[in-house]
PDB file of N, CA and C in Angstrom:
ATOM      1  N   MET A   1     -57.327-206.588 -30.176  1.00  0.00           N
ATOM      2  CA  MET A   1     -57.183-205.338 -29.320  1.00  0.00           C
ATOM      3  C   MET A   1     -56.661-206.446 -27.712  1.00  0.00           C
ATOM      4  N   LYS A   2     -56.023-205.965 -27.255  1.00  0.00           N
ATOM      5  CA  LYS A   2     -55.482-206.882 -25.891  1.00  0.00           C
ATOM      6  C   LYS A   2     -56.674-205.519 -24.866  1.00  0.00           C
ATOM      7  N   PRO A   3     -57.302-206.341 -23.859  1.00  0.00           N
ATOM      8  CA  PRO A   3     -57.964-205.514 -23.021  1.00  0.00           C
ATOM      9  C   PRO A   3     -56.471-204.839 -21.896  1.00  0.00           C
ATOM     10  N   SER A   4     -56.716-203.943 -21.261  1.00  0.00           N
ATOM     11  CA  SER A   4     -56.049-202.956 -20.231  1.00  0.00           C
ATOM     12  C   SER A   4     -56.138-203.997 -19.124  1.00  0.00           C
ATOM     13  N   SER A   5     -55.370-204.024 -18.557  1.00  0.00           N
ATOM     14  CA  SER A   5     -55.166-204.312 -17.024  1.00  0.00           C
ATOM     15  C   SER A   5     -56.370-203.799 -16.084  1.00  0.00           C
ATOM     16  N   PHE A   6     -56.440-202.324 -16.407  1.00  0.00           N
ATOM     17  CA  PHE A   6     -57.642-201.818 -15.609  1.00  0.00           C
ATOM     18  C   PHE A   6     -59.044-202.511 -15.850  1.00  0.00           C
ATOM     19  N   GLN A   7     -59.033-202.875 -17.305  1.00  0.00           N
ATOM     20  CA  GLN A   7     -60.709-203.480 -17.669  1.00  0.00           C
ATOM     21  C   GLN A   7     -60.473-204.953 -17.042  1.00  0.00           C
ATOM     22  N   THR A   8     -59.459-205.426 -17.288  1.00  0.00           N
ATOM     23  CA  THR A   8     -59.191-207.302 -16.382  1.00  0.00           C
ATOM     24  C   THR A   8     -59.376-206.969 -15.315  1.00  0.00           C
ATOM     25  N   THR A   9     -58.990-206.258 -14.389  1.00  0.00           N
ATOM     26  CA  THR A   9     -58.778-205.726 -12.908  1.00  0.00           C
ATOM     27  C   THR A   9     -60.790-205.874 -12.850  1.00  0.00           C
ATOM     28  N   ILE A  10     -61.522-204.998 -13.482  1.00  0.00           N
ATOM     29  CA  ILE A  10     -62.749-204.609 -13.203  1.00  0.00           C
ATOM     30  C   ILE A  10     -63.790-205.980 -13.599  1.00  0.00           C
ATOM     31  N   GLU A  11     -63.360-206.874 -14.316  1.00  0.00           N
ATOM     32  CA  GLU A  11     -63.856-208.235 -14.973  1.00  0.00           C
ATOM     33  C   GLU A  11     -63.542-209.051 -14.159  1.00  0.00           C
ATOM     34  N   ASN A  12     -62.548-208.904 -13.111  1.00  0.00           N
ATOM     35  CA  ASN A  12     -62.562-209.779 -12.715  1.00  0.00           C
ATOM     36  C   ASN A  12     -63.220-209.891 -10.933  1.00  0.00           C
ATOM     37  N   GLN A  13     -63.091-208.111 -10.802  1.00  0.00           N
ATOM     38  CA  GLN A  13     -63.845-208.222  -9.617  1.00  0.00           C
ATOM     39  C   GLN A  13     -65.281-208.147  -9.727  1.00  0.00           C
ATOM     40  N   PHE A  14     -66.072-207.912 -10.821  1.00  0.00           N
ATOM     41  CA  PHE A  14     -67.447-208.256 -11.139  1.00  0.00           C
ATOM     42  C   PHE A  14     -67.424-209.515 -11.295  1.00  0.00           C
ATOM     43  N   ASP A  15     -66.902-210.398 -11.609  1.00  0.00           N
ATOM     44  CA  ASP A  15     -67.256-212.131 -12.054  1.00  0.00           C
ATOM     45  C   ASP A  15     -66.877-212.384 -10.472  1.00  0.00           C
ATOM     46  N   TYR A  16     -66.033-212.116  -9.702  1.00  0.00           N
ATOM     47  CA  TYR A  16     -65.837-212.518  -8.142  1.00  0.00           C
ATOM     48  C   TYR A  16     -67.266-211.865  -7.322  1.00  0.00           C
ATOM     49  N   ILE A  17     -67.809-211.147  -7.658  1.00  0.00           N
ATOM     50  CA  ILE A  17     -68.923-210.311  -6.786  1.00  0.00           C
ATOM     51  C   ILE A  17     -70.083-211.262  -7.341  1.00  0.00           C
ATOM     52  N   CYS A  18     -70.253-211.496  -8.425  1.00  0.00           N
ATOM     53  CA  CYS A  18     -71.551-212.191  -9.197  1.00  0.00           C
ATOM     54  C   CYS A  18     -71.439-213.896  -8.463  1.00  0.00           C
ATOM     55  N   LYS A  19     -70.561-214.004  -8.386  1.00  0.00           N
ATOM     56  CA  LYS A  19     -70.131-215.574  -7.905  1.00  0.00           C
ATOM     57  C   LYS A  19     -69.906-215.359  -6.644  1.00  0.00           C
ATOM     58  N   ARG A  20     -69.949-214.695  -5.946  1.00  0.00           N
ATOM     59  CA  ARG A  20     -70.248-214.340  -4.421  1.00  0.00           C
ATOM     60  C   ARG A  20     -71.660-214.639  -4.449  1.00  0.00           C
ATOM     61  N   ALA A  21     -72.312-213.424  -4.827  1.00  0.00           N
ATOM     62  CA  ALA A  21     -73.622-213.111  -4.820  1.00  0.00           C
ATOM     63  C   ALA A  21     -74.467-214.340  -4.746  1.00  0.00           C
ATOM     64  N   MET A  22     -74.263-215.227  -5.718  1.00  0.00           N
ATOM     65  CA  MET A  22     -74.852-216.543  -6.123  1.00  0.00           C
ATOM     66  C   MET A  22     -74.339-218.087  -4.974  1.00  0.00           C
ATOM     67  N   GLU A  23     -73.189-217.740  -4.628  1.00  0.00           N
ATOM     68  CA  GLU A  23     -72.506-218.523  -3.127  1.00  0.00           C
ATOM     69  C   GLU A  23     -74.003-218.415  -2.006  1.00  0.00           C
ATOM     70  N   ASP A  24     -73.750-217.017  -2.001  1.00  0.00           N
ATOM     71  CA  ASP A  24     -74.596-216.227  -0.832  1.00  0.00           C
ATOM     72  C   ASP A  24     -75.990-216.951  -0.684  1.00  0.00           C
ATOM     73  N   GLU A  25     -76.790-216.423  -2.232  1.00  0.00           N
ATOM     74  CA  GLU A  25     -77.949-217.072  -2.529  1.00  0.00           C
ATOM     75  C   GLU A  25     -78.514-218.178  -2.121  1.00  0.00           C
ATOM     76  N   ARG A  26     -77.458-219.481  -2.519  1.00  0.00           N
ATOM     77  CA  ARG A  26     -77.789-220.985  -2.352  1.00  0.00           C
ATOM     78  C   ARG A  26     -77.589-220.956  -0.811  1.00  0.00           C
ATOM     79  N   LYS A  27     -76.448-220.338   0.199  1.00  0.00           N
ATOM     80  CA  LYS A  27     -76.239-220.798   1.123  1.00  0.00           C
ATOM     81  C   LYS A  27     -77.888-220.151   2.017  1.00  0.00           C
ATOM     82  N   ASP A  28     -78.499-219.231   1.785  1.00  0.00           N
ATOM     83  CA  ASP A  28     -79.762-218.617   2.212  1.00  0.00           C
ATOM     84  C   ASP A  28     -80.684-219.769   1.965  1.00  0.00           C
ATOM     85  N   TYR A  29     -80.795-220.148   0.959  1.00  0.00           N
ATOM     86  CA  TYR A  29     -81.646-221.106   0.333  1.00  0.00           C
ATOM     87  C   TYR A  29     -81.454-222.479   1.392  1.00  0.00           C
ATOM     88  N   PHE A  30     -80.464-222.966   1.472  1.00  0.00           N
ATOM     89  CA  PHE A  30     -80.428-223.986   2.315  1.00  0.00           C
ATOM     90  C   PHE A  30     -80.722-223.900   3.652  1.00  0.00           C
ATOM     91  N   LYS A  31     -80.460-222.455   4.086  1.00  0.00           N
ATOM     92  CA  LYS A  31     -81.063-222.427   5.157  1.00  0.00           C
ATOM     93  C   LYS A  31     -82.365-222.396   5.556  1.00  0.00           C
ATOM     94  N   HIS A  32     -82.955-221.736   4.589  1.00  0.00           N
ATOM     95  CA  HIS A  32     -84.171-221.429   4.481  1.00  0.00           C
ATOM     96  C   HIS A  32     -85.015-222.970   4.554  1.00  0.00           C
ATOM     97  N   LEU A  33     -84.707-223.798   3.764  1.00  0.00           N
ATOM     98  CA  LEU A  33     -84.852-225.143   3.581  1.00  0.00           C
ATOM     99  C   LEU A  33     -84.659-225.960   4.541  1.00  0.00           C
ATOM    100  N   SER A  34     -83.445-225.689   6.061  1.00  0.00           N
ATOM    101  CA  SER A  34     -83.408-226.404   7.014  1.00  0.00           C
ATOM    102  C   SER A  34     -84.429-225.768   8.254  1.00  0.00           C
ATOM    103  N   ARG A  35     -84.816-224.513   7.955  1.00  0.00           N
ATOM    104  CA  ARG A  35     -85.664-223.902   8.916  1.00  0.00           C
ATOM    105  C   ARG A  35     -87.298-224.567   8.852  1.00  0.00           C
ATOM    106  N   ILE A  36     -87.612-224.766   7.365  1.00  0.00           N
ATOM    107  CA  ILE A  36     -88.875-224.977   7.360  1.00  0.00           C
ATOM    108  C   ILE A  36     -88.916-226.495   7.794  1.00  0.00           C
ATOM    109  N   SER A  37     -88.161-227.395   7.228  1.00  0.00           N
ATOM    110  CA  SER A  37     -87.642-229.079   7.773  1.00  0.00           C
ATOM    111  C   SER A  37     -87.954-229.165   9.023  1.00  0.00           C
ATOM    112  N   LYS A  38     -87.339-228.038  10.037  1.00  0.00           N
ATOM    113  CA  LYS A  38     -87.463-228.291  11.147  1.00  0.00           C
ATOM    114  C   LYS A  38     -89.154-228.179  11.806  1.00  0.00           C
ATOM    115  N   GLN A  39     -89.959-227.505  11.117  1.00  0.00           N
ATOM    116  CA  GLN A  39     -91.097-227.114  11.583  1.00  0.00           C
ATOM    117  C   GLN A  39     -92.176-228.239  10.738  1.00  0.00           C
ATOM    118  N   GLU A  40     -91.611-228.979   9.285  1.00  0.00           N
ATOM    119  CA  GLU A  40     -92.657-229.872   9.173  1.00  0.00           C
ATOM    120  C   GLU A  40     -92.603-231.339   9.926  1.00  0.00           C
ATOM    121  N   VAL A  41     -93.974-231.801   9.680  1.00  0.00           N
ATOM    122  CA  VAL A  41     -93.933-233.061  10.356  1.00  0.00           C
ATOM    123  C   VAL A  41     -94.906-234.067   9.312  1.00  0.00           C
ATOM    124  N   SER A  42     -93.965-235.219   9.263  1.00  0.00           N
ATOM    125  CA  SER A  42     -94.622-236.036   8.225  1.00  0.00           C
ATOM    126  C   SER A  42     -95.982-236.484   8.488  1.00  0.00           C
ATOM    127  N   PHE A  43     -96.764-236.980   7.332  1.00  0.00           N
ATOM    128  CA  PHE A  43     -98.282-236.866   7.337  1.00  0.00           C
ATOM    129  C   PHE A  43     -98.336-238.296   8.388  1.00  0.00           C
ATOM    130  N   SER A  44     -97.419-239.499   8.041  1.00  0.00           N
ATOM    131  CA  SER A  44     -97.670-240.916   8.313  1.00  0.00           C
ATOM    132  C   SER A  44     -97.502-240.718  10.255  1.00  0.00           C
ATOM    133  N   ASP A  45     -96.885-239.560  10.873  1.00  0.00           N
ATOM    134  CA  ASP A  45     -96.096-238.665  12.013  1.00  0.00           C
ATOM    135  C   ASP A  45     -97.575-238.356  12.715  1.00  0.00           C
ATOM    136  N   THR A  46     -98.576-237.966  12.012  1.00  0.00           N
ATOM    137  CA  THR A  46     -99.436-237.105  12.715  1.00  0.00           C
ATOM    138  C   THR A  46    -100.809-238.493  13.169  1.00  0.00           C
ATOM    139  N   GLY A  47    -101.382-237.543  14.285  1.00  0.00           N
ATOM    140  CA  GLY A  47    -102.431-238.370  15.162  1.00  0.00           C
ATOM    141  C   GLY A  47    -103.348-238.656  13.929  1.00  0.00           C
ATOM    142  N   ASP A  48    -104.548-239.780  14.621  1.00  0.00           N
ATOM    143  CA  ASP A  48    -105.829-239.807  13.677  1.00  0.00           C
ATOM    144  C   ASP A  48    -106.707-238.899  14.093  1.00  0.00           C
ATOM    145  N   TYR A  49    -106.633-237.821  15.276  1.00  0.00           N
ATOM    146  CA  TYR A  49    -107.669-236.698  15.180  1.00  0.00           C
ATOM    147  C   TYR A  49    -107.361-235.692  14.246  1.00  0.00           C
ATOM    148  N   LEU A  50    -105.685-235.542  13.932  1.00  0.00           N
ATOM    149  CA  LEU A  50    -105.580-234.296  13.087  1.00  0.00           C
ATOM    150  C   LEU A  50    -105.912-234.778  11.515  1.00  0.00           C
ATOM    151  N   VAL A  51    -105.487-236.166  11.269  1.00  0.00           N
ATOM    152  CA  VAL A  51    -105.840-236.363   9.965  1.00  0.00           C
ATOM    153  C   VAL A  51    -107.452-236.412   9.862  1.00  0.00           C
ATOM    154  N   ASN A  52    -108.237-236.710  10.499  1.00  0.00           N
ATOM    155  CA  ASN A  52    -110.076-236.941  10.431  1.00  0.00           C
ATOM    156  C   ASN A  52    -110.597-235.448  10.276  1.00  0.00           C
ATOM    157  N   GLN A  53    -109.569-234.374  10.692  1.00  0.00           N
ATOM    158  CA  GLN A  53    -109.874-232.942  10.704  1.00  0.00           C
ATOM    159  C   GLN A  53    -109.572-232.691   8.711  1.00  0.00           C
ATOM    160  N   PHE A  54    -108.828-233.236   8.142  1.00  0.00           N
ATOM    161  CA  PHE A  54    -108.676-233.234   6.730  1.00  0.00           C
ATOM    162  C   PHE A  54    -109.796-233.502   5.758  1.00  0.00           C
ATOM    163  N   SER A  55    -110.254-234.747   6.351  1.00  0.00           N
ATOM    164  CA  SER A  55    -111.432-235.330   5.254  1.00  0.00           C
ATOM    165  C   SER A  55    -112.875-235.408   5.789  1.00  0.00           C
ATOM    166  N   THR A  56    -113.890-235.414   5.148  1.00  0.00           N
ATOM    167  CA  THR A  56    -115.003-234.996   5.037  1.00  0.00           C
ATOM    168  C   THR A  56    -115.692-236.261   4.773  1.00  0.00           C
ATOM    169  N   ILE A  57    -117.292-236.172   5.594  1.00  0.00           N
ATOM    170  CA  ILE A  57    -117.846-237.343   4.984  1.00  0.00           C
ATOM    171  C   ILE A  57    -119.457-236.889   4.493  1.00  0.00           C
ATOM    172  N   ASP A  58    -119.584-237.139   3.214  1.00  0.00           N
ATOM    173  CA  ASP A  58    -120.498-237.192   2.698  1.00  0.00           C
ATOM    174  C   ASP A  58    -121.871-237.409   3.386  1.00  0.00           C
ATOM    175  N   ASN A  59    -123.166-236.931   3.452  1.00  0.00           N
ATOM    176  CA  ASN A  59    -124.310-237.071   3.900  1.00  0.00           C
ATOM    177  C   ASN A  59    -125.285-237.172   2.902  1.00  0.00           C
ATOM    178  N   TYR A  60    -126.142-238.193   2.224  1.00  0.00           N
ATOM    179  CA  TYR A  60    -127.188-238.114   0.971  1.00  0.00           C
ATOM    180  C   TYR A  60    -128.541-238.716   1.938  1.00  0.00           C
ATOM    181  N   SER A  61    -129.465-237.789   1.248  1.00  0.00           N
ATOM    182  CA  SER A  61    -130.814-237.663   1.744  1.00  0.00           C
ATOM    183  C   SER A  61    -130.877-239.343   1.814  1.00  0.00           C
ATOM    184  N   GLY A  62    -131.018-240.085   0.837  1.00  0.00           N
ATOM    185  CA  GLY A  62    -130.915-241.741   0.853  1.00  0.00           C
ATOM    186  C   GLY A  62    -130.416-242.480   2.042  1.00  0.00           C
ATOM    187  N   ASP A  63    -129.199-241.922   2.448  1.00  0.00           N
ATOM    188  CA  ASP A  63    -128.840-242.783   3.910  1.00  0.00           C
ATOM    189  C   ASP A  63    -129.242-242.680   4.864  1.00  0.00           C
ATOM    190  N   LEU A  64    -130.681-241.679   5.032  1.00  0.00           N
ATOM    191  CA  LEU A  64    -131.760-241.230   6.170  1.00  0.00           C
ATOM    192  C   LEU A  64    -132.612-242.293   6.246  1.00  0.00           C
ATOM    193  N   GLN A  65    -132.807-242.634   7.151  1.00  0.00           N
ATOM    194  CA  GLN A  65    -134.544-243.112   7.849  1.00  0.00           C
ATOM    195  C   GLN A  65    -135.446-241.784   8.215  1.00  0.00           C
ATOM    196  N   ILE A  66    -136.518-241.589   7.422  1.00  0.00           N
ATOM    197  CA  ILE A  66    -137.394-240.410   7.424  1.00  0.00           C
ATOM    198  C   ILE A  66    -138.600-240.392   8.505  1.00  0.00           C
ATOM    199  N   PHE A  67    -138.657-239.881   9.137  1.00  0.00           N
ATOM    200  CA  PHE A  67    -139.923-239.901   9.812  1.00  0.00           C
ATOM    201  C   PHE A  67    -140.301-238.449   9.990  1.00  0.00           C
ATOM    202  N   THR A  68    -141.672-238.751  10.056  1.00  0.00           N
ATOM    203  CA  THR A  68    -142.550-237.590   9.826  1.00  0.00           C
ATOM    204  C   THR A  68    -143.165-237.185  11.481  1.00  0.00           C
ATOM    205  N   LEU A  69    -143.314-235.709  11.651  1.00  0.00           N
ATOM    206  CA  LEU A  69    -143.516-235.345  13.044  1.00  0.00           C
ATOM    207  C   LEU A  69    -144.361-233.862  12.762  1.00  0.00           C
ATOM    208  N   ASN A  70    -145.451-233.920  12.923  1.00  0.00           N
ATOM    209  CA  ASN A  70    -146.075-232.540  12.763  1.00  0.00           C
ATOM    210  C   ASN A  70    -145.719-231.813  11.479  1.00  0.00           C
ATOM    211  N   GLY A  71    -146.004-232.703  10.340  1.00  0.00           N
ATOM    212  CA  GLY A  71    -145.438-232.012   9.255  1.00  0.00           C
ATOM    213  C   GLY A  71    -144.328-231.981   8.808  1.00  0.00           C
ATOM    214  N   PHE A  72    -143.409-232.021   9.889  1.00  0.00           N
ATOM    215  CA  PHE A  72    -141.742-231.819   9.286  1.00  0.00           C
ATOM    216  C   PHE A  72    -141.474-233.277   9.148  1.00  0.00           C
ATOM    217  N   SER A  73    -140.235-233.394   8.516  1.00  0.00           N
ATOM    218  CA  SER A  73    -139.583-234.299   8.386  1.00  0.00           C
ATOM    219  C   SER A  73    -138.017-234.523   8.708  1.00  0.00           C
ATOM    220  N   ILE A  74    -138.076-235.486   9.471  1.00  0.00           N
ATOM    221  CA  ILE A  74    -136.576-236.071  10.375  1.00  0.00           C
ATOM    222  C   ILE A  74    -136.050-237.145  10.107  1.00  0.00           C
ATOM    223  N   GLY A  75    -134.883-236.807   9.600  1.00  0.00           N
ATOM    224  CA  GLY A  75    -133.936-237.584   8.968  1.00  0.00           C
ATOM    225  C   GLY A  75    -133.084-238.593  10.216  1.00  0.00           C
ATOM    226  N   VAL A  76    -133.065-239.643  10.167  1.00  0.00           N
ATOM    227  CA  VAL A  76    -132.272-240.470  11.320  1.00  0.00           C
ATOM    228  C   VAL A  76    -130.949-241.124  10.717  1.00  0.00           C
ATOM    229  N   GLU A  77    -129.901-241.011  10.841  1.00  0.00           N
ATOM    230  CA  GLU A  77    -128.847-241.374  10.394  1.00  0.00           C
ATOM    231  C   GLU A  77    -128.695-243.212  10.903  1.00  0.00           C
ATOM    232  N   SER A  78    -128.150-243.430  11.966  1.00  0.00           N
ATOM    233  CA  SER A  78    -128.149-244.844  12.526  1.00  0.00           C
ATOM    234  C   SER A  78    -129.379-245.800  12.084  1.00  0.00           C
ATOM    235  N   ASP A  79    -128.981-246.443  11.758  1.00  0.00           N
ATOM    236  CA  ASP A  79    -130.277-247.925  11.530  1.00  0.00           C
ATOM    237  C   ASP A  79    -130.297-248.264  12.631  1.00  0.00           C
ATOM    238  N   LEU A  80    -129.532-248.642  13.225  1.00  0.00           N
ATOM    239  CA  LEU A  80    -130.437-249.172  14.439  1.00  0.00           C
ATOM    240  C   LEU A  80    -130.702-248.230  15.464  1.00  0.00           C
ATOM    241  N   LEU A  81    -130.697-246.935  15.322  1.00  0.00           N
ATOM    242  CA  LEU A  81    -131.839-246.096  16.081  1.00  0.00           C
ATOM    243  C   LEU A  81    -132.882-246.258  15.288  1.00  0.00           C
ATOM    244  N   SER A  82    -133.153-246.246  13.914  1.00  0.00           N
ATOM    245  CA  SER A  82    -134.071-245.944  13.465  1.00  0.00           C
ATOM    246  C   SER A  82    -135.069-246.979  13.514  1.00  0.00           C
ATOM    247  N   GLU A  83    -134.482-248.405  13.340  1.00  0.00           N
ATOM    248  CA  GLU A  83    -135.265-249.707  13.676  1.00  0.00           C
ATOM    249  C   GLU A  83    -135.699-249.780  15.331  1.00  0.00           C
ATOM    250  N   ALA A  84    -134.829-249.303  15.921  1.00  0.00           N
ATOM    251  CA  ALA A  84    -135.670-249.082  17.318  1.00  0.00           C
ATOM    252  C   ALA A  84    -137.002-248.275  17.414  1.00  0.00           C
ATOM    253  N   LEU A  85    -136.857-246.720  16.795  1.00  0.00           N
ATOM    254  CA  LEU A  85    -138.047-245.695  16.684  1.00  0.00           C
ATOM    255  C   LEU A  85    -139.211-246.458  15.801  1.00  0.00           C
ATOM    256  N   ARG A  86    -139.013-247.493  14.921  1.00  0.00           N
ATOM    257  CA  ARG A  86    -139.968-248.149  14.156  1.00  0.00           C
ATOM    258  C   ARG A  86    -140.589-249.178  14.702  1.00  0.00           C
ATOM    259  N   ASN A  87    -140.161-249.487  15.801  1.00  0.00           N
ATOM    260  CA  ASN A  87    -140.514-251.257  16.547  1.00  0.00           C
ATOM    261  C   ASN A  87    -141.532-250.076  17.430  1.00  0.00           C
ATOM    262  N   LEU A  88    -141.373-248.910  17.715  1.00  0.00           N
ATOM    263  CA  LEU A  88    -142.612-248.442  18.846  1.00  0.00           C
ATOM    264  C   LEU A  88    -143.586-248.324  18.426  1.00  0.00           C
ATOM    265  N   THR A  89    -144.914-247.858  19.000  1.00  0.00           N
ATOM    266  CA  THR A  89    -145.831-247.086  18.975  1.00  0.00           C
ATOM    267  C   THR A  89    -145.986-245.994  18.217  1.00  0.00           C
ATOM    268  N   ASP A  90    -146.471-245.379  17.400  1.00  0.00           N
ATOM    269  CA  ASP A  90    -146.706-244.205  16.946  1.00  0.00           C
ATOM    270  C   ASP A  90    -146.543-243.051  18.266  1.00  0.00           C
ATOM    271  N   LYS A  91    -147.421-243.079  19.151  1.00  0.00           N
ATOM    272  CA  LYS A  91    -147.376-242.609  20.400  1.00  0.00           C
ATOM    273  C   LYS A  91    -145.924-242.254  20.742  1.00  0.00           C
ATOM    274  N   LYS A  92    -145.481-243.245  21.287  1.00  0.00           N
ATOM    275  CA  LYS A  92    -143.860-243.418  22.175  1.00  0.00           C
ATOM    276  C   LYS A  92    -143.558-242.952  21.031  1.00  0.00           C
ATOM    277  N   ARG A  93    -143.324-242.951  19.429  1.00  0.00           N
ATOM    278  CA  ARG A  93    -142.274-242.752  18.807  1.00  0.00           C
ATOM    279  C   ARG A  93    -142.358-241.371  18.735  1.00  0.00           C
ATOM    280  N   LYS A  94    -143.500-240.316  18.791  1.00  0.00           N
ATOM    281  CA  LYS A  94    -143.943-239.234  18.749  1.00  0.00           C
ATOM    282  C   LYS A  94    -143.360-238.310  20.084  1.00  0.00           C
ATOM    283  N   ILE A  95    -143.350-238.886  20.985  1.00  0.00           N
ATOM    284  CA  ILE A  95    -143.134-238.295  22.618  1.00  0.00           C
ATOM    285  C   ILE A  95    -141.296-238.205  22.286  1.00  0.00           C
ATOM    286  N   ILE A  96    -140.753-239.554  21.569  1.00  0.00           N
ATOM    287  CA  ILE A  96    -139.254-239.491  21.651  1.00  0.00           C
ATOM    288  C   ILE A  96    -138.934-238.640  20.767  1.00  0.00           C
ATOM    289  N   LEU A  97    -139.304-238.296  19.958  1.00  0.00           N
ATOM    290  CA  LEU A  97    -138.918-237.267  18.437  1.00  0.00           C
ATOM    291  C   LEU A  97    -138.997-236.039  19.341  1.00  0.00           C
ATOM    292  N   LEU A  98    -140.157-235.602  19.564  1.00  0.00           N
ATOM    293  CA  LEU A  98    -140.846-234.315  20.285  1.00  0.00           C
ATOM    294  C   LEU A  98    -139.423-234.212  21.467  1.00  0.00           C
ATOM    295  N   TYR A  99    -139.433-234.975  22.145  1.00  0.00           N
ATOM    296  CA  TYR A  99    -138.450-234.848  23.255  1.00  0.00           C
ATOM    297  C   TYR A  99    -137.210-234.332  22.962  1.00  0.00           C
ATOM    298  N   TYR A 100    -136.398-235.266  22.039  1.00  0.00           N
ATOM    299  CA  TYR A 100    -135.320-234.871  21.303  1.00  0.00           C
ATOM    300  C   TYR A 100    -135.169-233.567  21.016  1.00  0.00           C
ATOM    301  N   PHE A 101    -136.067-233.316  19.911  1.00  0.00           N
ATOM    302  CA  PHE A 101    -136.029-231.841  19.101  1.00  0.00           C
ATOM    303  C   PHE A 101    -136.425-230.721  20.264  1.00  0.00           C
ATOM    304  N   ILE A 102    -136.991-230.590  20.978  1.00  0.00           N
ATOM    305  CA  ILE A 102    -137.350-229.583  22.169  1.00  0.00           C
ATOM    306  C   ILE A 102    -136.128-230.092  23.056  1.00  0.00           C
ATOM    307  N   THR A 103    -135.363-230.699  23.632  1.00  0.00           N
ATOM    308  CA  THR A 103    -134.026-230.284  23.906  1.00  0.00           C
ATOM    309  C   THR A 103    -132.960-229.709  23.082  1.00  0.00           C
ATOM    310  N   LEU A 104    -133.293-229.714  21.547  1.00  0.00           N
ATOM    311  CA  LEU A 104    -132.314-229.275  20.506  1.00  0.00           C
ATOM    312  C   LEU A 104    -132.540-227.788  20.981  1.00  0.00           C
ATOM    313  N   TRP A 105    -133.674-227.357  20.972  1.00  0.00           N
ATOM    314  CA  TRP A 105    -134.156-226.186  21.034  1.00  0.00           C
ATOM    315  C   TRP A 105    -133.979-225.201  22.075  1.00  0.00           C
ATOM    316  N   ILE A 106    -133.772-225.749  22.814  1.00  0.00           N
ATOM    317  CA  ILE A 106    -133.510-225.229  24.364  1.00  0.00           C
ATOM    318  C   ILE A 106    -132.028-224.517  24.998  1.00  0.00           C
TER     319      ILE A 106
END
C-alpha cells in the first residue's frame, strides 16, 4: 500500500524538524565549547603561586626537633634553627622559646 501524499508530506516535515533540531543542538554545543575554551587557562601557563595553592606538604612529627619548655613539647621544623637552639645554654634557649611563644599569644 502506497502512502498518501499527505502522509509523505508529514513524514518529510517531521524528518526536517528532527534534522534541524539536531543541527541546532550541535551548533549550541560548539558555541558552549568555544565559550569555555576562552575562559580556560593551560596549566603550564599558570604561575608558580597558583600552582603551589594546589599542593600540600605533609608534616610528620619525626621531621621536627622537639624542645621541652615548662612541660610543653615544642617542635621546630628548621634544622638550622634547631641546631642553633641546641648550641645555646638552657637558660638562653628557654628565654628565646618563651619570647617566641609569648609573641604568638599577644
